[in-house]
Amino acid sequence: MINLFEEFKQEREERINSNGTNTALVDAAKAFNIESNKAKYSYNFSWMGRPIIQYPQDMIAMQEIIWEVKPDLIIETGIAHGGSLVYYASLLEVIGNGQVLGIDIDVRAHNRKAIEEHPMKKRIEIIEGSALDEKVIDQVKQFAEGKNKILVCLDSNHTHAHVLEELKLYSPFVSLNSYIVVFDTIVEDLPEGYLPGRAWSVGDNPKTAVYEFLKENDQFVIDKSIDNKLLISVTPHGYLKRVK
């Protein structure tokens, strides 16, 4: 008997693989990525009442990863309004296990209040401080103790130096076959001078940090199947899977 679901998955995999060589589709996605970033497209969405400031495509990818890995702990640097913390926590709530740990150098009082009053707060913990601070890392180690499956998301300061240091500090927490996801690698693919007033730009951003990190660390690889699947994303080459 033909397993129709397995047949569907095979067709999907073949289609995703072919996306990378579909020039018209890749070009269309690139044009949308540039124009949508200019229009602050990621600011249009919320999850369970909290602004999420992410592309829906990336959040679908995160849902697939979380469902597959079923992490005991999700660590995220960069909180903003807390939408992604709530999103990850809601997925863990459905799974029935796990905790989200958010880290930010400046947690605004109104955002903290909204997160602490949210129904998903029971799965969320917050550390205020620099993700690179040794004292913060010590607290993260305490949260990670005894956890078998850990997923990490980096979405704070987007300069090369900061992200590279985050990669070095947080990658050891990631469990085998899980991910460290580096958001806003799209900066490298945007036109020069596209982000005036920002500390990061072409040549100095999360993607350049990813490339530098991978030169020195063979435990992680870029999961290009996710890139080919999404095409529209702020995280190209940012989905790093631990394979060793």
C-alpha atoms as a PDB file:
ATOM      1  CA  MET A   1       0.000   0.000   0.000  1.00  0.00           C
ATOM      2  CA  ILE A   2       1.322   3.478  -0.888  1.00  0.00           C
ATOM      3  CA  ASN A   3       1.870   5.701   2.120  1.00  0.00           C
ATOM      4  CA  LEU A   4       0.378   8.935   0.812  1.00  0.00           C
ATOM      5  CA  PHE A   5       1.856  11.063   3.579  1.00  0.00           C
ATOM      6  CA  GLU A   6       5.366   9.763   2.936  1.00  0.00           C
ATOM      7  CA  GLU A   7       4.831  10.383  -0.763  1.00  0.00           C
ATOM      8  CA  PHE A   8       3.727  13.929   0.021  1.00  0.00           C
ATOM      9  CA  LYS A   9       6.822  14.529   2.180  1.00  0.00           C
ATOM     10  CA  GLN A  10       9.094  13.243  -0.566  1.00  0.00           C
ATOM     11  CA  GLU A  11       7.503  15.524  -3.153  1.00  0.00           C
ATOM     12  CA  ARG A  12       7.819  18.444  -0.748  1.00  0.00           C
ATOM     13  CA  GLU A  13      11.499  17.740  -0.130  1.00  0.00           C
ATOM     14  CA  GLU A  14      12.208  17.594  -3.856  1.00  0.00           C
ATOM     15  CA  ARG A  15      10.324  20.850  -4.406  1.00  0.00           C
ATOM     16  CA  ILE A  16      12.209  22.594  -1.601  1.00  0.00           C
ATOM     17  CA  ASN A  17      15.552  21.404  -2.955  1.00  0.00           C
ATOM     18  CA  SER A  18      14.678  22.751  -6.377  1.00  0.00           C
ATOM     19  CA  ASN A  19      13.783  26.192  -5.015  1.00  0.00           C
ATOM     20  CA  GLY A  20      17.442  27.095  -4.637  1.00  0.00           C
ATOM     21  CA  THR A  21      17.988  26.822  -8.394  1.00  0.00           C
ATOM     22  CA  ASN A  22      14.711  28.459  -9.405  1.00  0.00           C
ATOM     23  CA  THR A  23      16.198  31.781 -10.506  1.00  0.00           C
ATOM     24  CA  ALA A  24      12.880  33.553 -11.057  1.00  0.00           C
ATOM     25  CA  LEU A  25      11.592  32.532  -7.627  1.00  0.00           C
ATOM     26  CA  VAL A  26      14.854  33.417  -5.853  1.00  0.00           C
ATOM     27  CA  ASP A  27      14.985  36.823  -7.568  1.00  0.00           C
ATOM     28  CA  ALA A  28      11.367  37.555  -6.679  1.00  0.00           C
ATOM     29  CA  ALA A  29      12.009  36.632  -3.056  1.00  0.00           C
ATOM     30  CA  LYS A  30      15.143  38.803  -2.972  1.00  0.00           C
ATOM     31  CA  ALA A  31      13.203  41.786  -4.298  1.00  0.00           C
ATOM     32  CA  PHE A  32      10.482  41.248  -1.691  1.00  0.00           C
ATOM     33  CA  ASN A  33      13.049  40.888   1.099  1.00  0.00           C
ATOM     34  CA  ILE A  34      14.600  44.240   0.198  1.00  0.00           C
ATOM     35  CA  GLU A  35      11.358  46.169  -0.231  1.00  0.00           C
ATOM     36  CA  SER A  36       9.633  44.593   2.765  1.00  0.00           C
ATOM     37  CA  ASN A  37      12.542  45.415   5.056  1.00  0.00           C
ATOM     38  CA  LYS A  38      12.372  49.006   3.824  1.00  0.00           C
ATOM     39  CA  ALA A  39       8.663  49.044   4.704  1.00  0.00           C
ATOM     40  CA  LYS A  40       9.268  47.544   8.205  1.00  0.00           C
ATOM     41  CA  TYR A  41       7.145  44.536   7.251  1.00  0.00           C
ATOM     42  CA  SER A  42       8.232  42.583  10.345  1.00  0.00           C
ATOM     43  CA  TYR A  43       6.586  45.179  12.608  1.00  0.00           C
ATOM     44  CA  ASN A  44       3.125  44.288  11.315  1.00  0.00           C
ATOM     45  CA  PHE A  45       2.541  41.125  13.341  1.00  0.00           C
ATOM     46  CA  SER A  46       1.769  39.983  16.870  1.00  0.00           C
ATOM     47  CA  TRP A  47       1.326  36.702  18.693  1.00  0.00           C
ATOM     48  CA  MET A  48      -1.295  36.333  21.426  1.00  0.00           C
ATOM     49  CA  GLY A  49      -1.396  40.097  21.845  1.00  0.00           C
ATOM     50  CA  ARG A  50       2.344  40.857  21.894  1.00  0.00           C
ATOM     51  CA  PRO A  51       4.240  42.461  18.971  1.00  0.00           C
ATOM     52  CA  ILE A  52       6.539  39.793  17.583  1.00  0.00           C
ATOM     53  CA  ILE A  53       8.699  41.826  15.121  1.00  0.00           C
ATOM     54  CA  GLN A  54       9.546  38.796  12.990  1.00  0.00           C
ATOM     55  CA  TYR A  55       8.660  37.538   9.542  1.00  0.00           C
ATOM     56  CA  PRO A  56       5.841  34.963   9.649  1.00  0.00           C
ATOM     57  CA  GLN A  57       7.919  32.702   7.426  1.00  0.00           C
ATOM     58  CA  ASP A  58      10.692  32.546  10.023  1.00  0.00           C
ATOM     59  CA  MET A  59       8.189  31.877  12.781  1.00  0.00           C
ATOM     60  CA  ILE A  60       6.759  28.945  10.837  1.00  0.00           C
ATOM     61  CA  ALA A  61      10.304  27.592  10.526  1.00  0.00           C
ATOM     62  CA  MET A  62      10.773  28.025  14.276  1.00  0.00           C
ATOM     63  CA  GLN A  63       7.526  26.152  14.893  1.00  0.00           C
ATOM     64  CA  GLU A  64       8.769  23.245  12.788  1.00  0.00           C
ATOM     65  CA  ILE A  65      12.106  23.200  14.626  1.00  0.00           C
ATOM     66  CA  ILE A  66      10.488  23.373  18.062  1.00  0.00           C
ATOM     67  CA  TRP A  67       8.015  20.611  17.231  1.00  0.00           C
ATOM     68  CA  GLU A  68      10.844  18.421  15.942  1.00  0.00           C
ATOM     69  CA  VAL A  69      13.343  19.094  18.749  1.00  0.00           C
ATOM     70  CA  LYS A  70      10.837  19.478  21.610  1.00  0.00           C
ATOM     71  CA  PRO A  71      13.353  21.447  23.666  1.00  0.00           C
ATOM     72  CA  ASP A  72      13.389  21.530  27.444  1.00  0.00           C
ATOM     73  CA  LEU A  73      14.797  25.049  27.216  1.00  0.00           C
ATOM     74  CA  ILE A  74      14.762  27.793  24.590  1.00  0.00           C
ATOM     75  CA  ILE A  75      17.272  30.592  25.194  1.00  0.00           C
ATOM     76  CA  GLU A  76      16.711  33.874  23.365  1.00  0.00           C
ATOM     77  CA  THR A  77      18.918  36.950  23.474  1.00  0.00           C
ATOM     78  CA  GLY A  78      16.928  40.090  22.698  1.00  0.00           C
ATOM     79  CA  ILE A  79      13.392  40.482  24.073  1.00  0.00           C
ATOM     80  CA  ALA A  80      11.908  43.745  22.706  1.00  0.00           C
ATOM     81  CA  HIS A  81       8.125  43.478  23.264  1.00  0.00           C
ATOM     82  CA  GLY A  82       8.316  39.802  24.185  1.00  0.00           C
ATOM     83  CA  GLY A  83       6.293  38.473  21.264  1.00  0.00           C
ATOM     84  CA  SER A  84       8.730  35.747  20.317  1.00  0.00           C
ATOM     85  CA  LEU A  85       9.070  34.665  23.960  1.00  0.00           C
ATOM     86  CA  VAL A  86       5.290  34.296  24.128  1.00  0.00           C
ATOM     87  CA  TYR A  87       5.239  32.498  20.778  1.00  0.00           C
ATOM     88  CA  TYR A  88       7.859  29.941  21.823  1.00  0.00           C
ATOM     89  CA  ALA A  89       6.217  29.503  25.225  1.00  0.00           C
ATOM     90  CA  SER A  90       2.829  28.829  23.618  1.00  0.00           C
ATOM     91  CA  LEU A  91       4.350  26.089  21.471  1.00  0.00           C
ATOM     92  CA  LEU A  92       5.979  24.521  24.519  1.00  0.00           C
ATOM     93  CA  GLU A  93       2.625  24.744  26.284  1.00  0.00           C
ATOM     94  CA  VAL A  94       1.059  22.669  23.510  1.00  0.00           C
ATOM     95  CA  ILE A  95       3.926  20.182  23.715  1.00  0.00           C
ATOM     96  CA  GLY A  96       3.459  20.084  27.482  1.00  0.00           C
ATOM     97  CA  ASN A  97       7.023  20.722  28.554  1.00  0.00           C
ATOM     98  CA  GLY A  98       9.797  23.292  28.436  1.00  0.00           C
ATOM     99  CA  GLN A  99      10.819  26.770  29.453  1.00  0.00           C
ATOM    100  CA  VAL A 100      11.809  29.941  27.590  1.00  0.00           C
ATOM    101  CA  LEU A 101      14.632  32.101  28.926  1.00  0.00           C
ATOM    102  CA  GLY A 102      14.804  35.649  27.555  1.00  0.00           C
ATOM    103  CA  ILE A 103      17.868  37.860  27.960  1.00  0.00           C
ATOM    104  CA  ASP A 104      18.023  41.588  27.254  1.00  0.00           C
ATOM    105  CA  ILE A 105      20.290  44.403  28.355  1.00  0.00           C
ATOM    106  CA  ASP A 106      17.285  46.702  28.781  1.00  0.00           C
ATOM    107  CA  VAL A 107      13.864  45.248  29.564  1.00  0.00           C
ATOM    108  CA  ARG A 108      11.454  48.165  29.431  1.00  0.00           C
ATOM    109  CA  ALA A 109       9.072  48.319  32.397  1.00  0.00           C
ATOM    110  CA  HIS A 110       5.907  48.246  30.260  1.00  0.00           C
ATOM    111  CA  ASN A 111       7.161  45.230  28.306  1.00  0.00           C
ATOM    112  CA  ARG A 112       8.136  43.357  31.457  1.00  0.00           C
ATOM    113  CA  LYS A 113       4.692  44.070  32.951  1.00  0.00           C
ATOM    114  CA  ALA A 114       2.905  42.830  29.817  1.00  0.00           C
ATOM    115  CA  ILE A 115       4.993  39.645  29.720  1.00  0.00           C
ATOM    116  CA  GLU A 116       4.551  38.968  33.426  1.00  0.00           C
ATOM    117  CA  GLU A 117       0.779  39.362  33.100  1.00  0.00           C
ATOM    118  CA  HIS A 118       0.528  37.136  30.021  1.00  0.00           C
ATOM    119  CA  PRO A 119      -1.003  33.627  30.319  1.00  0.00           C
ATOM    120  CA  MET A 120       2.209  32.152  28.879  1.00  0.00           C
ATOM    121  CA  LYS A 121       4.362  33.730  31.605  1.00  0.00           C
ATOM    122  CA  LYS A 122       4.354  30.403  33.450  1.00  0.00           C
ATOM    123  CA  ARG A 123       6.863  29.135  30.876  1.00  0.00           C
ATOM    124  CA  ILE A 124       8.936  32.342  30.604  1.00  0.00           C
ATOM    125  CA  GLU A 125      11.871  33.593  32.663  1.00  0.00           C
ATOM    126  CA  ILE A 126      13.739  36.863  32.052  1.00  0.00           C
ATOM    127  CA  ILE A 127      17.312  37.921  32.773  1.00  0.00           C
ATOM    128  CA  GLU A 128      18.118  41.619  32.431  1.00  0.00           C
ATOM    129  CA  GLY A 129      21.742  42.211  31.458  1.00  0.00           C
ATOM    130  CA  SER A 130      24.151  41.897  28.572  1.00  0.00           C
ATOM    131  CA  ALA A 131      24.099  38.489  26.912  1.00  0.00           C
ATOM    132  CA  LEU A 132      27.908  38.640  26.984  1.00  0.00           C
ATOM    133  CA  ASP A 133      28.183  39.379  30.706  1.00  0.00           C
ATOM    134  CA  GLU A 134      29.872  36.613  32.680  1.00  0.00           C
ATOM    135  CA  LYS A 135      27.278  36.882  35.460  1.00  0.00           C
ATOM    136  CA  VAL A 136      24.481  36.439  32.920  1.00  0.00           C
ATOM    137  CA  ILE A 137      26.202  33.392  31.439  1.00  0.00           C
ATOM    138  CA  ASP A 138      26.438  31.919  34.945  1.00  0.00           C
ATOM    139  CA  GLN A 139      22.676  32.364  35.368  1.00  0.00           C
ATOM    140  CA  VAL A 140      22.058  30.737  31.979  1.00  0.00           C
ATOM    141  CA  LYS A 141      24.171  27.766  33.066  1.00  0.00           C
ATOM    142  CA  GLN A 142      21.940  27.357  36.107  1.00  0.00           C
ATOM    143  CA  PHE A 143      18.810  27.353  33.927  1.00  0.00           C
ATOM    144  CA  ALA A 144      20.428  24.895  31.507  1.00  0.00           C
ATOM    145  CA  GLU A 145      21.488  22.457  34.205  1.00  0.00           C
ATOM    146  CA  GLY A 146      19.719  19.138  33.781  1.00  0.00           C
ATOM    147  CA  LYS A 147      18.181  20.125  30.439  1.00  0.00           C
ATOM    148  CA  ASN A 148      18.704  17.538  27.672  1.00  0.00           C
ATOM    149  CA  LYS A 149      17.395  19.460  24.667  1.00  0.00           C
ATOM    150  CA  ILE A 150      18.268  23.128  24.268  1.00  0.00           C
ATOM    151  CA  LEU A 151      17.567  25.542  21.417  1.00  0.00           C
ATOM    152  CA  VAL A 152      19.192  28.988  21.184  1.00  0.00           C
ATOM    153  CA  CYS A 153      18.024  32.116  19.309  1.00  0.00           C
ATOM    154  CA  LEU A 154      20.251  35.187  18.904  1.00  0.00           C
ATOM    155  CA  ASP A 155      18.390  38.429  18.214  1.00  0.00           C
ATOM    156  CA  SER A 156      19.988  41.274  20.171  1.00  0.00           C
ATOM    157  CA  ASN A 157      22.890  43.504  19.098  1.00  0.00           C
ATOM    158  CA  HIS A 158      23.512  42.689  15.411  1.00  0.00           C
ATOM    159  CA  THR A 159      27.150  43.759  15.020  1.00  0.00           C
ATOM    160  CA  HIS A 160      29.672  41.180  13.832  1.00  0.00           C
ATOM    161  CA  ALA A 161      31.710  41.304  17.044  1.00  0.00           C
ATOM    162  CA  HIS A 162      28.701  40.952  19.340  1.00  0.00           C
ATOM    163  CA  VAL A 163      27.056  38.111  17.429  1.00  0.00           C
ATOM    164  CA  LEU A 164      30.336  36.227  17.032  1.00  0.00           C
ATOM    165  CA  GLU A 165      30.890  36.389  20.781  1.00  0.00           C
ATOM    166  CA  GLU A 166      27.292  35.255  21.397  1.00  0.00           C
ATOM    167  CA  LEU A 167      27.857  32.319  19.057  1.00  0.00           C
ATOM    168  CA  LYS A 168      30.958  31.298  20.952  1.00  0.00           C
ATOM    169  CA  LEU A 169      29.286  31.643  24.359  1.00  0.00           C
ATOM    170  CA  TYR A 170      25.878  30.131  23.617  1.00  0.00           C
ATOM    171  CA  SER A 171      26.641  27.411  21.061  1.00  0.00           C
ATOM    172  CA  PRO A 172      27.901  25.023  23.776  1.00  0.00           C
ATOM    173  CA  PHE A 173      24.394  25.017  25.278  1.00  0.00           C
ATOM    174  CA  VAL A 174      22.848  23.675  22.052  1.00  0.00           C
ATOM    175  CA  SER A 175      22.046  19.974  22.085  1.00  0.00           C
ATOM    176  CA  LEU A 176      22.841  17.586  19.244  1.00  0.00           C
ATOM    177  CA  ASN A 177      20.385  17.894  16.317  1.00  0.00           C
ATOM    178  CA  SER A 178      19.043  21.152  17.739  1.00  0.00           C
ATOM    179  CA  TYR A 179      19.778  24.659  16.445  1.00  0.00           C
ATOM    180  CA  ILE A 180      21.306  28.005  17.218  1.00  0.00           C
ATOM    181  CA  VAL A 181      19.300  30.469  15.125  1.00  0.00           C
ATOM    182  CA  VAL A 182      20.954  33.778  14.232  1.00  0.00           C
ATOM    183  CA  PHE A 183      18.349  36.362  13.243  1.00  0.00           C
ATOM    184  CA  ASP A 184      18.840  39.331  10.905  1.00  0.00           C
ATOM    185  CA  THR A 185      21.551  37.787   8.770  1.00  0.00           C
ATOM    186  CA  ILE A 186      19.597  39.522   5.981  1.00  0.00           C
ATOM    187  CA  VAL A 187      21.590  42.704   6.738  1.00  0.00           C
ATOM    188  CA  GLU A 188      24.470  41.376   4.623  1.00  0.00           C
ATOM    189  CA  ASP A 189      22.142  40.999   1.630  1.00  0.00           C
ATOM    190  CA  LEU A 190      20.606  44.486   1.775  1.00  0.00           C
ATOM    191  CA  PRO A 191      21.966  47.422  -0.261  1.00  0.00           C
ATOM    192  CA  GLU A 192      24.866  49.415   1.175  1.00  0.00           C
ATOM    193  CA  GLY A 193      23.636  52.252   3.397  1.00  0.00           C
ATOM    194  CA  TYR A 194      20.224  50.627   3.678  1.00  0.00           C
ATOM    195  CA  LEU A 195      20.121  50.946   7.475  1.00  0.00           C
ATOM    196  CA  PRO A 196      21.295  54.475   8.343  1.00  0.00           C
ATOM    197  CA  GLY A 197      22.030  55.121  11.989  1.00  0.00           C
ATOM    198  CA  ARG A 198      22.490  51.457  12.871  1.00  0.00           C
ATOM    199  CA  ALA A 199      25.728  50.012  14.262  1.00  0.00           C
ATOM    200  CA  TRP A 200      25.537  47.103  11.821  1.00  0.00           C
ATOM    201  CA  SER A 201      25.764  47.164   8.040  1.00  0.00           C
ATOM    202  CA  VAL A 202      27.080  45.243   5.037  1.00  0.00           C
ATOM    203  CA  GLY A 203      30.332  43.566   6.101  1.00  0.00           C
ATOM    204  CA  ASP A 204      29.547  43.935   9.814  1.00  0.00           C
ATOM    205  CA  ASN A 205      26.472  41.943  10.797  1.00  0.00           C
ATOM    206  CA  PRO A 206      25.112  38.579  11.968  1.00  0.00           C
ATOM    207  CA  LYS A 207      25.817  36.772   8.675  1.00  0.00           C
ATOM    208  CA  THR A 208      29.491  37.764   8.642  1.00  0.00           C
ATOM    209  CA  ALA A 209      29.658  36.527  12.247  1.00  0.00           C
ATOM    210  CA  VAL A 210      28.070  33.209  11.220  1.00  0.00           C
ATOM    211  CA  TYR A 211      30.663  32.687   8.495  1.00  0.00           C
ATOM    212  CA  GLU A 212      33.515  33.507  10.876  1.00  0.00           C
ATOM    213  CA  PHE A 213      32.087  31.183  13.530  1.00  0.00           C
ATOM    214  CA  LEU A 214      31.738  28.270  11.119  1.00  0.00           C
ATOM    215  CA  LYS A 215      35.392  28.588  10.067  1.00  0.00           C
ATOM    216  CA  GLU A 216      36.354  27.662  13.613  1.00  0.00           C
ATOM    217  CA  ASN A 217      33.527  25.304  14.599  1.00  0.00           C
ATOM    218  CA  ASP A 218      32.655  22.140  12.677  1.00  0.00           C
ATOM    219  CA  GLN A 219      29.922  21.092  15.102  1.00  0.00           C
ATOM    220  CA  PHE A 220      27.388  23.246  13.264  1.00  0.00           C
ATOM    221  CA  VAL A 221      26.242  23.514   9.642  1.00  0.00           C
ATOM    222  CA  ILE A 222      23.904  25.899   7.845  1.00  0.00           C
ATOM    223  CA  ASP A 223      20.605  24.127   7.258  1.00  0.00           C
ATOM    224  CA  LYS A 224      20.108  25.323   3.699  1.00  0.00           C
ATOM    225  CA  SER A 225      16.907  23.309   3.337  1.00  0.00           C
ATOM    226  CA  ILE A 226      15.253  25.924   5.573  1.00  0.00           C
ATOM    227  CA  ASP A 227      16.607  28.732   3.394  1.00  0.00           C
ATOM    228  CA  ASN A 228      15.279  27.007   0.269  1.00  0.00           C
ATOM    229  CA  LYS A 229      11.931  26.428   1.931  1.00  0.00           C
ATOM    230  CA  LEU A 230      11.387  29.993   3.156  1.00  0.00           C
ATOM    231  CA  LEU A 231      13.117  32.221   0.570  1.00  0.00           C
ATOM    232  CA  ILE A 232      11.393  35.167   2.266  1.00  0.00           C
ATOM    233  CA  SER A 233      13.270  35.459   5.553  1.00  0.00           C
ATOM    234  CA  VAL A 234      15.406  37.766   7.692  1.00  0.00           C
ATOM    235  CA  THR A 235      17.536  34.767   8.649  1.00  0.00           C
ATOM    236  CA  PRO A 236      19.246  33.436   5.473  1.00  0.00           C
ATOM    237  CA  HIS A 237      22.139  31.134   6.431  1.00  0.00           C
ATOM    238  CA  GLY A 238      21.177  31.757  10.056  1.00  0.00           C
ATOM    239  CA  TYR A 239      19.643  28.385  10.871  1.00  0.00           C
ATOM    240  CA  LEU A 240      22.643  26.518  12.252  1.00  0.00           C
ATOM    241  CA  LYS A 241      22.098  22.873  13.129  1.00  0.00           C
ATOM    242  CA  ARG A 242      24.341  21.052  15.560  1.00  0.00           C
ATOM    243  CA  VAL A 243      25.536  17.856  13.875  1.00  0.00           C
ATOM    244  CA  LYS A 244      28.433  16.858  16.161  1.00  0.00           C
END
